[in-house]
Amino acid sequence: MRTRLDTLVSAALQQGSAVPAFTCYDFTTALAVVAAAEETGRGAILLVSPSTAATPNGLRLIAALRGLADGAGVPVAVQLDHASDLRVIADAVAAGVDSVLVDGSSLDYEDNIALVRAARGSLDVLAADCAGTEVVIEAELGGLAGNEDRAFGSDAAGNAPAAGTAGLTDSAQVEDFVARTGAQLLAVAVGNVHGKYKGVPELRWDVLQDIAVRTRVPLVLHGASGIPAAELVKAAAMNVGKVNFNTELRTGVLETLEARTAAHRTDGENLQGLLADWDAAARTFAATALVTLAR
């Protein structure tokens, strides 16, 4: 059943757990994620990247994901991830997302606030015109290194960013930022990065704890791929109710396809078999993440 993002996350936090969010570039992966959620009896979040939402086929994918969420046997939310273009945000909402990460983290503090407020204003107008419900807004304070659409960072050597290279969230700004933006969830930077980590991730749990005591809105941890499960399970105790996965999900699918494509070619170009392997790879990863965050 499709569920508001803030409702889904708040309910998980009340149970001492967090909800995993999975970037879905295609419907096959989304089907696997929802199947894993139904098998484990846990809610899940389907994320759509802004690069996907900016295309006609991406908008069709959003509509399909909304239908998938509507028919799911567990709570499922559909969110536009890391968006800063108001036109892309409006189009994605019209297509079916019911929450948006309005990402002004690369901007100056005041400009970040202005972007989130502008998005809220435009979405309120859209909801009024369409007699729709309020769109849930997640905002981001602090900068994460890396690129959420790529497995590696975009530095000249093509290497992944090192853990701890991003700008940490300034906990002293959190109360003001949440009050002025009206964000219902807050993504933070505590040493996490997008993409693959160099070495062992070094999360600043002290910073996260300081942020957690300064706001009542649920917190969000991006760049969870590569963070050990033993570390992730600490998050919910510090008001982290949503954890984003992208890189490890895609890596697992691509490794499976690389290993199995030749066999399915010799088996009469067996696309159904290949799709079954794709589904299994994505479902296994999603199930592991769901169980880990439910601890």
C-alpha atoms as a PDB file:
ATOM      1  CA  MET A   1       0.000   0.000   0.000  1.00  0.00           C
ATOM      2  CA  ARG A   2       1.330   3.417  -0.876  1.00  0.00           C
ATOM      3  CA  THR A   3       2.171   5.324   2.295  1.00  0.00           C
ATOM      4  CA  ARG A   4       3.387   8.842   3.066  1.00  0.00           C
ATOM      5  CA  LEU A   5       7.131   8.881   3.542  1.00  0.00           C
ATOM      6  CA  ASP A   6       7.045  10.653   6.896  1.00  0.00           C
ATOM      7  CA  THR A   7       4.353   8.291   8.201  1.00  0.00           C
ATOM      8  CA  LEU A   8       6.353   5.232   7.117  1.00  0.00           C
ATOM      9  CA  VAL A   9       9.592   6.500   8.652  1.00  0.00           C
ATOM     10  CA  SER A  10       8.029   7.686  11.904  1.00  0.00           C
ATOM     11  CA  ALA A  11       6.311   4.338  12.411  1.00  0.00           C
ATOM     12  CA  ALA A  12       9.628   2.525  11.930  1.00  0.00           C
ATOM     13  CA  LEU A  13      11.399   4.774  14.423  1.00  0.00           C
ATOM     14  CA  GLN A  14       8.723   4.061  17.002  1.00  0.00           C
ATOM     15  CA  GLN A  15       9.682   0.391  16.647  1.00  0.00           C
ATOM     16  CA  GLY A  16      13.400   1.174  16.946  1.00  0.00           C
ATOM     17  CA  SER A  17      14.147   0.542  13.282  1.00  0.00           C
ATOM     18  CA  ALA A  18      14.789   2.429  10.044  1.00  0.00           C
ATOM     19  CA  VAL A  19      13.372   2.103   6.522  1.00  0.00           C
ATOM     20  CA  PRO A  20      15.717   1.333   3.605  1.00  0.00           C
ATOM     21  CA  ALA A  21      15.376   3.365   0.409  1.00  0.00           C
ATOM     22  CA  PHE A  22      16.540   1.835  -2.877  1.00  0.00           C
ATOM     23  CA  THR A  23      17.319   3.717  -6.079  1.00  0.00           C
ATOM     24  CA  CYS A  24      15.367   2.090  -8.915  1.00  0.00           C
ATOM     25  CA  TYR A  25      16.467   2.918 -12.456  1.00  0.00           C
ATOM     26  CA  ASP A  26      14.115   0.284 -13.866  1.00  0.00           C
ATOM     27  CA  PHE A  27      10.932  -1.614 -13.056  1.00  0.00           C
ATOM     28  CA  THR A  28      12.616  -5.016 -12.699  1.00  0.00           C
ATOM     29  CA  THR A  29      14.661  -3.786  -9.735  1.00  0.00           C
ATOM     30  CA  ALA A  30      11.609  -2.117  -8.198  1.00  0.00           C
ATOM     31  CA  LEU A  31       9.613  -5.359  -8.459  1.00  0.00           C
ATOM     32  CA  ALA A  32      12.417  -7.199  -6.662  1.00  0.00           C
ATOM     33  CA  VAL A  33      12.584  -4.586  -3.889  1.00  0.00           C
ATOM     34  CA  VAL A  34       8.841  -4.724  -3.255  1.00  0.00           C
ATOM     35  CA  ALA A  35       8.862  -8.520  -3.326  1.00  0.00           C
ATOM     36  CA  ALA A  36      11.626  -8.539  -0.704  1.00  0.00           C
ATOM     37  CA  ALA A  37       9.685  -6.048   1.402  1.00  0.00           C
ATOM     38  CA  GLU A  38       6.572  -8.215   1.238  1.00  0.00           C
ATOM     39  CA  GLU A  39       8.539 -11.359   2.111  1.00  0.00           C
ATOM     40  CA  THR A  40      10.098  -9.701   5.170  1.00  0.00           C
ATOM     41  CA  GLY A  41       6.929  -7.825   6.148  1.00  0.00           C
ATOM     42  CA  ARG A  42       8.760  -4.489   6.186  1.00  0.00           C
ATOM     43  CA  GLY A  43       8.070  -1.178   4.480  1.00  0.00           C
ATOM     44  CA  ALA A  44      10.395   0.171   1.784  1.00  0.00           C
ATOM     45  CA  ILE A  45      11.055   3.318  -0.221  1.00  0.00           C
ATOM     46  CA  LEU A  46      11.506   3.401  -3.997  1.00  0.00           C
ATOM     47  CA  LEU A  47      13.852   6.208  -5.062  1.00  0.00           C
ATOM     48  CA  VAL A  48      13.995   7.818  -8.504  1.00  0.00           C
ATOM     49  CA  SER A  49      17.097   9.799  -9.446  1.00  0.00           C
ATOM     50  CA  PRO A  50      16.660  13.286 -10.964  1.00  0.00           C
ATOM     51  CA  SER A  51      18.484  12.163 -14.111  1.00  0.00           C
ATOM     52  CA  THR A  52      15.788   9.520 -14.562  1.00  0.00           C
ATOM     53  CA  ALA A  53      12.903  11.857 -13.723  1.00  0.00           C
ATOM     54  CA  ALA A  54      14.131  14.415 -16.263  1.00  0.00           C
ATOM     55  CA  THR A  55      13.233  12.094 -19.171  1.00  0.00           C
ATOM     56  CA  PRO A  56       9.852  11.079 -20.615  1.00  0.00           C
ATOM     57  CA  ASN A  57      10.533   7.412 -19.913  1.00  0.00           C
ATOM     58  CA  GLY A  58      11.568   8.323 -16.391  1.00  0.00           C
ATOM     59  CA  LEU A  59       8.184   9.912 -15.798  1.00  0.00           C
ATOM     60  CA  ARG A  60       6.531   6.747 -17.115  1.00  0.00           C
ATOM     61  CA  LEU A  61       8.655   4.753 -14.683  1.00  0.00           C
ATOM     62  CA  ILE A  62       7.429   6.955 -11.816  1.00  0.00           C
ATOM     63  CA  ALA A  63       3.827   6.275 -12.790  1.00  0.00           C
ATOM     64  CA  ALA A  64       4.579   2.545 -12.816  1.00  0.00           C
ATOM     65  CA  LEU A  65       6.273   2.738  -9.413  1.00  0.00           C
ATOM     66  CA  ARG A  66       3.264   4.529  -7.972  1.00  0.00           C
ATOM     67  CA  GLY A  67       1.022   1.725  -9.235  1.00  0.00           C
ATOM     68  CA  LEU A  68       3.411  -0.834  -7.771  1.00  0.00           C
ATOM     69  CA  ALA A  69       3.301   0.939  -4.405  1.00  0.00           C
ATOM     70  CA  ASP A  70      -0.509   1.118  -4.498  1.00  0.00           C
ATOM     71  CA  GLY A  71      -0.752  -2.637  -4.936  1.00  0.00           C
ATOM     72  CA  ALA A  72       1.996  -3.659  -2.505  1.00  0.00           C
ATOM     73  CA  GLY A  73       1.152  -5.746   0.534  1.00  0.00           C
ATOM     74  CA  VAL A  74       3.373  -3.593   2.772  1.00  0.00           C
ATOM     75  CA  PRO A  75       3.812   0.199   3.108  1.00  0.00           C
ATOM     76  CA  VAL A  76       5.792   1.616   0.175  1.00  0.00           C
ATOM     77  CA  ALA A  77       6.669   5.242  -0.586  1.00  0.00           C
ATOM     78  CA  VAL A  78       7.925   6.676  -3.901  1.00  0.00           C
ATOM     79  CA  GLN A  79      10.429   9.521  -3.669  1.00  0.00           C
ATOM     80  CA  LEU A  80      12.298  11.762  -6.099  1.00  0.00           C
ATOM     81  CA  ASP A  81      15.901  11.794  -4.892  1.00  0.00           C
ATOM     82  CA  HIS A  82      18.465  14.642  -4.896  1.00  0.00           C
ATOM     83  CA  ALA A  83      16.467  17.130  -6.963  1.00  0.00           C
ATOM     84  CA  SER A  84      17.230  20.827  -7.320  1.00  0.00           C
ATOM     85  CA  ASP A  85      15.393  21.719 -10.543  1.00  0.00           C
ATOM     86  CA  LEU A  86      11.881  22.964  -9.724  1.00  0.00           C
ATOM     87  CA  ARG A  87      10.574  21.895 -13.130  1.00  0.00           C
ATOM     88  CA  VAL A  88      11.832  18.328 -12.690  1.00  0.00           C
ATOM     89  CA  ILE A  89      10.325  18.283  -9.187  1.00  0.00           C
ATOM     90  CA  ALA A  90       6.929  19.448 -10.441  1.00  0.00           C
ATOM     91  CA  ASP A  91       6.920  16.936 -13.318  1.00  0.00           C
ATOM     92  CA  ALA A  92       7.886  14.077 -11.006  1.00  0.00           C
ATOM     93  CA  VAL A  93       5.127  14.951  -8.533  1.00  0.00           C
ATOM     94  CA  ALA A  94       2.603  15.138 -11.363  1.00  0.00           C
ATOM     95  CA  ALA A  95       3.790  11.705 -12.520  1.00  0.00           C
ATOM     96  CA  GLY A  96       3.293  10.139  -9.096  1.00  0.00           C
ATOM     97  CA  VAL A  97       6.051  10.698  -6.517  1.00  0.00           C
ATOM     98  CA  ASP A  98       4.680  11.751  -3.149  1.00  0.00           C
ATOM     99  CA  SER A  99       7.917  12.943  -1.578  1.00  0.00           C
ATOM    100  CA  VAL A 100      10.998  14.808  -2.768  1.00  0.00           C
ATOM    101  CA  LEU A 101      14.528  15.285  -1.517  1.00  0.00           C
ATOM    102  CA  VAL A 102      15.070  18.945  -2.350  1.00  0.00           C
ATOM    103  CA  ASP A 103      18.851  19.006  -2.472  1.00  0.00           C
ATOM    104  CA  GLY A 104      20.493  22.380  -1.963  1.00  0.00           C
ATOM    105  CA  SER A 105      23.450  20.932  -0.085  1.00  0.00           C
ATOM    106  CA  SER A 106      25.938  22.248  -2.647  1.00  0.00           C
ATOM    107  CA  LEU A 107      24.640  25.798  -2.136  1.00  0.00           C
ATOM    108  CA  ASP A 108      25.407  28.357   0.524  1.00  0.00           C
ATOM    109  CA  TYR A 109      23.320  27.990   3.673  1.00  0.00           C
ATOM    110  CA  GLU A 110      20.825  30.748   2.857  1.00  0.00           C
ATOM    111  CA  ASP A 111      20.509  29.610  -0.763  1.00  0.00           C
ATOM    112  CA  ASN A 112      19.839  26.065   0.420  1.00  0.00           C
ATOM    113  CA  ILE A 113      17.011  27.345   2.602  1.00  0.00           C
ATOM    114  CA  ALA A 114      15.664  29.462  -0.275  1.00  0.00           C
ATOM    115  CA  LEU A 115      15.602  26.461  -2.633  1.00  0.00           C
ATOM    116  CA  VAL A 116      13.687  24.278  -0.179  1.00  0.00           C
ATOM    117  CA  ARG A 117      11.198  27.065   0.517  1.00  0.00           C
ATOM    118  CA  ALA A 118      10.735  27.685  -3.211  1.00  0.00           C
ATOM    119  CA  ALA A 119      10.089  23.995  -3.788  1.00  0.00           C
ATOM    120  CA  ARG A 120       7.560  23.905  -0.963  1.00  0.00           C
ATOM    121  CA  GLY A 121       5.763  26.933  -2.399  1.00  0.00           C
ATOM    122  CA  SER A 122       5.552  25.474  -5.895  1.00  0.00           C
ATOM    123  CA  LEU A 123       4.427  22.084  -4.594  1.00  0.00           C
ATOM    124  CA  ASP A 124       1.721  23.655  -2.430  1.00  0.00           C
ATOM    125  CA  VAL A 125       0.391  25.465  -5.511  1.00  0.00           C
ATOM    126  CA  LEU A 126       0.491  22.234  -7.515  1.00  0.00           C
ATOM    127  CA  ALA A 127      -1.362  20.348  -4.784  1.00  0.00           C
ATOM    128  CA  ALA A 128      -4.027  23.041  -4.587  1.00  0.00           C
ATOM    129  CA  ASP A 129      -4.503  23.114  -8.364  1.00  0.00           C
ATOM    130  CA  CYS A 130      -4.782  19.326  -8.549  1.00  0.00           C
ATOM    131  CA  ALA A 131      -6.719  18.895  -5.286  1.00  0.00           C
ATOM    132  CA  GLY A 132      -3.841  16.660  -4.224  1.00  0.00           C
ATOM    133  CA  THR A 133      -2.269  15.868  -0.883  1.00  0.00           C
ATOM    134  CA  GLU A 134       0.811  17.496   0.586  1.00  0.00           C
ATOM    135  CA  VAL A 135       4.129  16.343  -0.848  1.00  0.00           C
ATOM    136  CA  VAL A 136       6.592  15.348   1.863  1.00  0.00           C
ATOM    137  CA  ILE A 137       9.901  17.225   1.655  1.00  0.00           C
ATOM    138  CA  GLU A 138      13.279  15.933   2.726  1.00  0.00           C
ATOM    139  CA  ALA A 139      16.115  18.459   2.752  1.00  0.00           C
ATOM    140  CA  GLU A 140      19.875  18.013   3.049  1.00  0.00           C
ATOM    141  CA  LEU A 141      22.267  19.965   5.242  1.00  0.00           C
ATOM    142  CA  GLY A 142      25.969  19.310   4.790  1.00  0.00           C
ATOM    143  CA  GLY A 143      27.709  18.081   1.656  1.00  0.00           C
ATOM    144  CA  LEU A 144      28.325  14.450   0.691  1.00  0.00           C
ATOM    145  CA  ALA A 145      31.233  13.632  -1.605  1.00  0.00           C
ATOM    146  CA  GLY A 146      30.627  11.466  -4.648  1.00  0.00           C
ATOM    147  CA  ASN A 147      27.827  11.051  -7.161  1.00  0.00           C
ATOM    148  CA  GLU A 148      24.708   9.075  -6.288  1.00  0.00           C
ATOM    149  CA  ASP A 149      24.270   7.946  -9.909  1.00  0.00           C
ATOM    150  CA  ARG A 150      27.816   6.569 -10.203  1.00  0.00           C
ATOM    151  CA  ALA A 151      29.643   3.854  -8.327  1.00  0.00           C
ATOM    152  CA  PHE A 152      32.754   5.996  -8.074  1.00  0.00           C
ATOM    153  CA  GLY A 153      33.421   9.667  -7.392  1.00  0.00           C
ATOM    154  CA  SER A 154      34.045  12.118 -10.190  1.00  0.00           C
ATOM    155  CA  ASP A 155      37.637  13.065  -9.344  1.00  0.00           C
ATOM    156  CA  ALA A 156      40.205  13.130 -12.145  1.00  0.00           C
ATOM    157  CA  ALA A 157      41.679   9.742 -11.288  1.00  0.00           C
ATOM    158  CA  GLY A 158      38.270   8.100 -11.391  1.00  0.00           C
ATOM    159  CA  ASN A 159      38.620   6.903  -7.821  1.00  0.00           C
ATOM    160  CA  ALA A 160      36.010   6.770  -5.124  1.00  0.00           C
ATOM    161  CA  PRO A 161      35.953   9.556  -2.534  1.00  0.00           C
ATOM    162  CA  ALA A 162      37.572   8.811   0.770  1.00  0.00           C
ATOM    163  CA  ALA A 163      35.417   8.488   3.853  1.00  0.00           C
ATOM    164  CA  GLY A 164      35.236  11.717   5.799  1.00  0.00           C
ATOM    165  CA  THR A 165      36.053  13.984   2.835  1.00  0.00           C
ATOM    166  CA  ALA A 166      32.578  15.514   2.686  1.00  0.00           C
ATOM    167  CA  GLY A 167      31.545  18.620   4.604  1.00  0.00           C
ATOM    168  CA  LEU A 168      29.992  17.535   7.885  1.00  0.00           C
ATOM    169  CA  THR A 169      26.574  18.862   8.849  1.00  0.00           C
ATOM    170  CA  ASP A 170      26.934  21.761  11.289  1.00  0.00           C
ATOM    171  CA  SER A 171      24.707  20.688  14.166  1.00  0.00           C
ATOM    172  CA  ALA A 172      24.414  24.309  15.310  1.00  0.00           C
ATOM    173  CA  GLN A 173      22.480  25.101  12.105  1.00  0.00           C
ATOM    174  CA  VAL A 174      20.009  22.231  12.324  1.00  0.00           C
ATOM    175  CA  GLU A 175      17.249  23.856  14.402  1.00  0.00           C
ATOM    176  CA  ASP A 176      17.215  27.026  12.322  1.00  0.00           C
ATOM    177  CA  PHE A 177      17.351  25.103   9.050  1.00  0.00           C
ATOM    178  CA  VAL A 178      14.439  22.816   9.890  1.00  0.00           C
ATOM    179  CA  ALA A 179      12.338  25.680  11.263  1.00  0.00           C
ATOM    180  CA  ARG A 180      12.851  27.901   8.232  1.00  0.00           C
ATOM    181  CA  THR A 181      12.481  25.208   5.547  1.00  0.00           C
ATOM    182  CA  GLY A 182       9.682  23.183   7.110  1.00  0.00           C
ATOM    183  CA  ALA A 183      11.494  20.013   6.013  1.00  0.00           C
ATOM    184  CA  GLN A 184       9.814  16.880   7.324  1.00  0.00           C
ATOM    185  CA  LEU A 185      13.002  14.806   7.075  1.00  0.00           C
ATOM    186  CA  LEU A 186      16.631  15.909   7.200  1.00  0.00           C
ATOM    187  CA  ALA A 187      19.521  14.212   5.392  1.00  0.00           C
ATOM    188  CA  VAL A 188      22.848  14.726   7.139  1.00  0.00           C
ATOM    189  CA  ALA A 189      26.541  14.373   6.364  1.00  0.00           C
ATOM    190  CA  VAL A 190      28.466  12.588   9.107  1.00  0.00           C
ATOM    191  CA  GLY A 191      31.322  11.064   7.103  1.00  0.00           C
ATOM    192  CA  ASN A 192      29.089   9.111   4.717  1.00  0.00           C
ATOM    193  CA  VAL A 193      29.669   9.464   0.949  1.00  0.00           C
ATOM    194  CA  HIS A 194      27.962   8.545  -2.307  1.00  0.00           C
ATOM    195  CA  GLY A 195      29.575   5.668  -4.163  1.00  0.00           C
ATOM    196  CA  LYS A 196      32.254   3.247  -2.987  1.00  0.00           C
ATOM    197  CA  TYR A 197      34.387   4.142   0.003  1.00  0.00           C
ATOM    198  CA  LYS A 198      38.175   4.241   0.044  1.00  0.00           C
ATOM    199  CA  GLY A 199      39.075   2.135   3.021  1.00  0.00           C
ATOM    200  CA  VAL A 200      36.759   1.632   5.978  1.00  0.00           C
ATOM    201  CA  PRO A 201      33.906   4.146   6.383  1.00  0.00           C
ATOM    202  CA  GLU A 202      34.495   6.421   9.351  1.00  0.00           C
ATOM    203  CA  LEU A 203      31.140   7.756  10.467  1.00  0.00           C
ATOM    204  CA  ARG A 204      31.037  10.533  13.041  1.00  0.00           C
ATOM    205  CA  TRP A 205      28.512   9.120  15.454  1.00  0.00           C
ATOM    206  CA  ASP A 206      29.249  11.975  17.858  1.00  0.00           C
ATOM    207  CA  VAL A 207      28.104  14.486  15.240  1.00  0.00           C
ATOM    208  CA  LEU A 208      25.009  12.433  14.470  1.00  0.00           C
ATOM    209  CA  GLN A 209      24.135  12.220  18.159  1.00  0.00           C
ATOM    210  CA  ASP A 210      24.487  15.992  18.521  1.00  0.00           C
ATOM    211  CA  ILE A 211      22.197  16.527  15.527  1.00  0.00           C
ATOM    212  CA  ALA A 212      19.636  14.063  16.876  1.00  0.00           C
ATOM    213  CA  VAL A 213      19.128  16.003  20.106  1.00  0.00           C
ATOM    214  CA  ARG A 214      18.582  19.262  18.226  1.00  0.00           C
ATOM    215  CA  THR A 215      15.585  18.315  16.083  1.00  0.00           C
ATOM    216  CA  ARG A 216      12.512  16.103  16.274  1.00  0.00           C
ATOM    217  CA  VAL A 217      12.263  15.441  12.521  1.00  0.00           C
ATOM    218  CA  PRO A 218      13.536  12.031  11.356  1.00  0.00           C
ATOM    219  CA  LEU A 219      17.096  12.015  10.047  1.00  0.00           C
ATOM    220  CA  VAL A 220      18.304  10.357   6.845  1.00  0.00           C
ATOM    221  CA  LEU A 221      21.614   8.643   6.122  1.00  0.00           C
ATOM    222  CA  HIS A 222      22.655   8.676   2.463  1.00  0.00           C
ATOM    223  CA  GLY A 223      25.511   6.673   1.002  1.00  0.00           C
ATOM    224  CA  ALA A 224      24.836   3.562   3.084  1.00  0.00           C
ATOM    225  CA  SER A 225      26.363   1.173   0.536  1.00  0.00           C
ATOM    226  CA  GLY A 226      29.577  -0.148   2.017  1.00  0.00           C
ATOM    227  CA  ILE A 227      28.803   0.771   5.623  1.00  0.00           C
ATOM    228  CA  PRO A 228      29.034  -2.415   7.748  1.00  0.00           C
ATOM    229  CA  ALA A 229      25.750  -3.763   9.071  1.00  0.00           C
ATOM    230  CA  ALA A 230      27.037  -3.531  12.638  1.00  0.00           C
ATOM    231  CA  GLU A 231      27.395   0.213  12.134  1.00  0.00           C
ATOM    232  CA  LEU A 232      24.066   0.725  10.362  1.00  0.00           C
ATOM    233  CA  VAL A 233      22.083  -0.821  13.182  1.00  0.00           C
ATOM    234  CA  LYS A 234      23.193   2.048  15.434  1.00  0.00           C
ATOM    235  CA  ALA A 235      21.413   4.586  13.266  1.00  0.00           C
ATOM    236  CA  ALA A 236      17.826   4.232  14.470  1.00  0.00           C
ATOM    237  CA  ALA A 237      18.912   4.900  18.052  1.00  0.00           C
ATOM    238  CA  MET A 238      20.025   8.339  16.846  1.00  0.00           C
ATOM    239  CA  ASN A 239      16.717   9.168  15.114  1.00  0.00           C
ATOM    240  CA  VAL A 240      17.823   7.971  11.660  1.00  0.00           C
ATOM    241  CA  GLY A 241      14.612   6.603  10.183  1.00  0.00           C
ATOM    242  CA  LYS A 242      15.620   6.347   6.510  1.00  0.00           C
ATOM    243  CA  VAL A 243      18.783   4.871   5.000  1.00  0.00           C
ATOM    244  CA  ASN A 244      19.567   5.151   1.271  1.00  0.00           C
ATOM    245  CA  PHE A 245      21.136   2.386  -0.838  1.00  0.00           C
ATOM    246  CA  ASN A 246      22.213   2.636  -4.466  1.00  0.00           C
ATOM    247  CA  THR A 247      25.750   1.507  -5.325  1.00  0.00           C
ATOM    248  CA  GLU A 248      25.684  -1.986  -3.785  1.00  0.00           C
ATOM    249  CA  LEU A 249      22.302  -2.728  -5.332  1.00  0.00           C
ATOM    250  CA  ARG A 250      23.510  -1.823  -8.826  1.00  0.00           C
ATOM    251  CA  THR A 251      26.848  -3.574  -8.340  1.00  0.00           C
ATOM    252  CA  GLY A 252      25.148  -6.820  -7.382  1.00  0.00           C
ATOM    253  CA  VAL A 253      22.813  -6.709 -10.373  1.00  0.00           C
ATOM    254  CA  LEU A 254      25.597  -5.942 -12.854  1.00  0.00           C
ATOM    255  CA  GLU A 255      27.853  -8.662 -11.476  1.00  0.00           C
ATOM    256  CA  THR A 256      25.013 -11.156 -11.835  1.00  0.00           C
ATOM    257  CA  LEU A 257      24.291 -10.100 -15.415  1.00  0.00           C
ATOM    258  CA  GLU A 258      27.968 -10.280 -16.340  1.00  0.00           C
ATOM    259  CA  ALA A 259      28.219 -13.782 -14.928  1.00  0.00           C
ATOM    260  CA  ARG A 260      24.968 -15.151 -16.374  1.00  0.00           C
ATOM    261  CA  THR A 261      24.442 -13.429 -19.747  1.00  0.00           C
ATOM    262  CA  ALA A 262      26.568 -15.880 -21.748  1.00  0.00           C
ATOM    263  CA  ALA A 263      24.664 -18.867 -20.374  1.00  0.00           C
ATOM    264  CA  HIS A 264      21.329 -17.325 -21.253  1.00  0.00           C
ATOM    265  CA  ARG A 265      22.555 -16.497 -24.765  1.00  0.00           C
ATOM    266  CA  THR A 266      23.364 -20.155 -25.368  1.00  0.00           C
ATOM    267  CA  ASP A 267      19.973 -21.063 -23.937  1.00  0.00           C
ATOM    268  CA  GLY A 268      18.136 -19.528 -26.899  1.00  0.00           C
ATOM    269  CA  GLU A 269      18.553 -15.853 -25.923  1.00  0.00           C
ATOM    270  CA  ASN A 270      16.650 -16.618 -22.733  1.00  0.00           C
ATOM    271  CA  LEU A 271      15.630 -13.164 -21.525  1.00  0.00           C
ATOM    272  CA  GLN A 272      13.164 -14.527 -18.990  1.00  0.00           C
ATOM    273  CA  GLY A 273      15.917 -16.504 -17.327  1.00  0.00           C
ATOM    274  CA  LEU A 274      18.206 -13.484 -17.290  1.00  0.00           C
ATOM    275  CA  LEU A 275      15.472 -11.324 -15.778  1.00  0.00           C
ATOM    276  CA  ALA A 276      14.917 -13.984 -13.118  1.00  0.00           C
ATOM    277  CA  ASP A 277      18.608 -13.782 -12.172  1.00  0.00           C
ATOM    278  CA  TRP A 278      18.377  -9.976 -12.139  1.00  0.00           C
ATOM    279  CA  ASP A 279      15.363 -10.192  -9.848  1.00  0.00           C
ATOM    280  CA  ALA A 280      17.126 -12.624  -7.522  1.00  0.00           C
ATOM    281  CA  ALA A 281      20.208 -10.422  -7.181  1.00  0.00           C
ATOM    282  CA  ALA A 282      18.205  -7.291  -6.382  1.00  0.00           C
ATOM    283  CA  ARG A 283      15.796  -9.153  -4.105  1.00  0.00           C
ATOM    284  CA  THR A 284      18.598 -10.731  -2.075  1.00  0.00           C
ATOM    285  CA  PHE A 285      20.293  -7.388  -1.480  1.00  0.00           C
ATOM    286  CA  ALA A 286      17.033  -5.652  -0.612  1.00  0.00           C
ATOM    287  CA  ALA A 287      16.039  -8.400   1.821  1.00  0.00           C
ATOM    288  CA  THR A 288      19.392  -8.156   3.594  1.00  0.00           C
ATOM    289  CA  ALA A 289      19.052  -4.401   3.988  1.00  0.00           C
ATOM    290  CA  LEU A 290      15.474  -4.705   5.213  1.00  0.00           C
ATOM    291  CA  VAL A 291      16.408  -7.264   7.858  1.00  0.00           C
ATOM    292  CA  THR A 292      19.516  -5.345   8.932  1.00  0.00           C
ATOM    293  CA  LEU A 293      17.627  -2.099   9.575  1.00  0.00           C
ATOM    294  CA  ALA A 294      14.841  -3.930  11.418  1.00  0.00           C
ATOM    295  CA  ARG A 295      17.222  -5.084  14.178  1.00  0.00           C
END
